């Protein structure tokens, strides 16, 4: 599957991180649920990532962590039923 680039400004500089469409879909759901912009999420990721880690990798890590949290939340809810 081809990568999709999203262009945005990050601390006054233009950047275009590339991800698979599925990762962008989850990122979009995440920012919509938090009522924030994608640019603000990417800026937060950039501010907190290891300087040796590529920005696109840091975005993927956030998406995977978000999915894990959701899975764990759903697992706990269903195990209490």
Protein backbone atom coordinates (compact mmCIF):
# COMPACT_ATOMS: atom_id res chain seq x y z
CA UNK A 1 0.00 0.00 0.00
CA UNK A 2 1.44 3.40 -0.93
CA UNK A 3 2.33 5.94 1.71
CA UNK A 4 0.23 9.08 2.06
CA UNK A 5 1.87 12.37 2.97
CA UNK A 6 0.18 14.99 5.13
CA UNK A 7 1.61 18.49 4.83
CA UNK A 8 1.59 20.71 7.91
CA UNK A 9 3.55 23.39 9.71
CA UNK A 10 5.63 22.26 12.64
CA UNK A 11 7.19 25.00 14.74
CA UNK A 12 7.18 27.36 11.76
CA UNK A 13 8.59 24.83 9.29
CA UNK A 14 6.70 22.85 6.67
CA UNK A 15 6.92 19.08 6.89
CA UNK A 16 5.15 16.16 5.26
CA UNK A 17 5.22 12.97 7.31
CA UNK A 18 4.33 9.86 5.31
CA UNK A 19 2.24 7.00 6.69
CA UNK A 20 0.06 4.20 5.45
CA UNK A 21 -3.56 5.35 5.08
CA UNK A 22 -4.65 3.16 8.02
CA UNK A 23 -2.30 5.01 10.39
CA UNK A 24 -3.65 8.38 9.24
CA UNK A 25 -7.20 7.10 9.73
CA UNK A 26 -6.51 6.20 13.38
CA UNK A 27 -4.66 9.51 13.92
CA UNK A 28 -7.68 11.37 12.50
CA UNK A 29 -10.04 9.53 14.85
CA UNK A 30 -7.72 10.32 17.77
CA UNK A 31 -7.52 14.08 17.06
CA UNK A 32 -11.27 14.30 16.41
CA UNK A 33 -12.02 12.58 19.72
CA UNK A 34 -9.76 15.07 21.51
CA UNK A 35 -11.10 18.03 19.50
CA UNK A 36 -7.67 19.12 18.35
CA UNK A 37 -5.82 19.53 15.09
CA UNK A 38 -3.53 17.01 13.49
CA UNK A 39 -0.80 19.68 13.48
CA UNK A 40 -1.05 20.06 17.28
CA UNK A 41 -0.80 16.29 17.74
CA UNK A 42 2.23 16.05 15.44
CA UNK A 43 3.86 18.99 17.26
CA UNK A 44 3.33 17.23 20.61
CA UNK A 45 4.80 14.01 19.22
CA UNK A 46 7.76 15.95 17.81
CA UNK A 47 8.37 17.72 21.13
CA UNK A 48 8.40 14.44 23.07
CA UNK A 49 10.11 12.02 20.70
CA UNK A 50 13.66 10.75 20.94
CA UNK A 51 15.74 13.01 18.70
CA UNK A 52 17.15 9.91 16.98
CA UNK A 53 13.68 8.63 16.06
CA UNK A 54 12.15 9.73 12.75
CA UNK A 55 8.93 11.70 13.09
CA UNK A 56 6.97 9.17 11.02
CA UNK A 57 8.07 6.37 13.35
CA UNK A 58 7.00 8.39 16.39
CA UNK A 59 3.55 8.91 14.81
CA UNK A 60 3.21 5.16 14.23
CA UNK A 61 4.19 4.50 17.85
CA UNK A 62 1.45 6.85 19.08
CA UNK A 63 -1.14 5.18 16.85
CA UNK A 64 -0.15 1.71 18.07
CA UNK A 65 -0.18 2.85 21.71
CA UNK A 66 -3.65 4.34 21.21
CA UNK A 67 -4.96 1.10 19.74
CA UNK A 68 -3.43 -0.92 22.59
CA UNK A 69 -5.09 1.32 25.19
CA UNK A 70 -8.44 0.96 23.45
CA UNK A 71 -8.07 -2.81 23.25
CA UNK A 72 -7.17 -3.03 26.93
CA UNK A 73 -10.12 -0.82 27.89
CA UNK A 74 -12.53 -2.96 25.85
CA UNK A 75 -11.05 -6.16 27.28
CA UNK A 76 -11.60 -4.93 30.83
CA UNK A 77 -15.16 -3.85 30.07
CA UNK A 78 -16.09 -7.20 28.53
CA UNK A 79 -14.38 -9.25 31.24
CA UNK A 80 -16.52 -7.49 33.88
CA UNK A 81 -19.77 -8.47 32.14
